[in-house]
Protein backbone atom coordinates (compact mmCIF):
# COMPACT_ATOMS: atom_id res chain seq x y z
CA MET A 1 5.82 21.53 -47.12
CA ARG A 2 2.71 19.50 -46.32
CA LEU A 3 1.80 21.86 -43.47
CA ALA A 4 2.12 24.86 -45.78
CA ARG A 5 -0.15 23.12 -48.32
CA LEU A 6 -2.73 22.35 -45.65
CA ILE A 7 -2.72 25.94 -44.42
CA LEU A 8 -3.14 27.26 -47.96
CA ILE A 9 -5.98 24.87 -48.77
CA ASN A 10 -7.63 25.62 -45.44
CA ALA A 11 -7.50 29.35 -46.12
CA ALA A 12 -8.89 28.89 -49.63
CA LEU A 13 -11.76 26.71 -48.43
CA ARG A 14 -12.59 29.13 -45.63
CA LEU A 15 -12.70 32.01 -48.11
CA VAL A 16 -14.97 30.13 -50.50
CA VAL A 17 -17.20 28.83 -47.71
CA THR A 18 -17.45 32.31 -46.19
CA VAL A 19 -18.50 33.84 -49.51
CA GLN A 20 -21.01 31.13 -50.42
CA ALA A 21 -23.68 29.75 -48.14
CA ALA A 22 -24.02 26.45 -50.00
CA ASP A 23 -21.92 23.42 -50.74
CA ILE A 24 -19.00 23.97 -53.09
CA ASN A 25 -17.35 21.99 -55.87
CA VAL A 26 -13.57 21.69 -55.64
CA ALA A 27 -11.32 20.53 -58.48
CA LEU A 28 -7.89 19.51 -57.27
CA ALA A 29 -4.78 17.58 -58.19
CA ALA A 30 -4.82 13.94 -57.18
CA ASN A 31 -1.91 14.40 -54.77
CA LEU A 32 -3.99 16.85 -52.69
CA THR A 33 -6.98 14.55 -52.20
CA ALA A 34 -6.18 13.27 -48.69
CA PRO A 35 -5.35 16.62 -47.03
CA THR A 36 -8.30 18.31 -48.73
CA LYS A 37 -10.70 15.64 -47.47
CA GLU A 38 -9.43 16.26 -43.92
CA ILE A 39 -10.00 19.99 -44.27
CA ALA A 40 -13.42 19.54 -45.90
CA SER A 41 -14.59 17.27 -43.10
CA THR A 42 -13.51 19.87 -40.53
CA VAL A 43 -15.36 22.62 -42.40
CA LYS A 44 -18.45 20.39 -42.65
CA ARG A 45 -18.33 19.61 -38.94
CA THR A 46 -17.73 23.20 -37.77
CA ALA A 47 -19.59 25.31 -40.33
CA GLY A 48 -22.08 22.85 -41.80
CA HIS A 49 -20.93 23.49 -45.38
CA GLY A 50 -19.87 20.65 -47.65
CA ALA A 51 -17.44 20.28 -50.52
CA ALA A 52 -17.75 17.89 -53.46
CA MET A 53 -14.22 17.09 -54.58
CA ARG A 54 -13.10 15.96 -58.00
CA ALA A 55 -9.47 14.85 -58.22
CA GLY A 56 -7.52 14.65 -61.44
CA ALA A 57 -3.97 14.46 -62.78
CA ASN A 58 -1.65 17.16 -61.58
CA GLY A 59 0.05 17.57 -64.93
CA GLN A 60 3.44 16.17 -63.92
């Protein structure tokens, strides 16, 4: 389940980063903070694009 989430988030970030040439703002559920930070650091390192993340309640 976690791997599927990481793959989905990775694909979403790649799509957004590909479309925009600047840093992006990402709003996400608090339970996705850690995996999203890992993905964002990889994108920053490989593509040079950053992501400002804002975590909040996931509604559960």
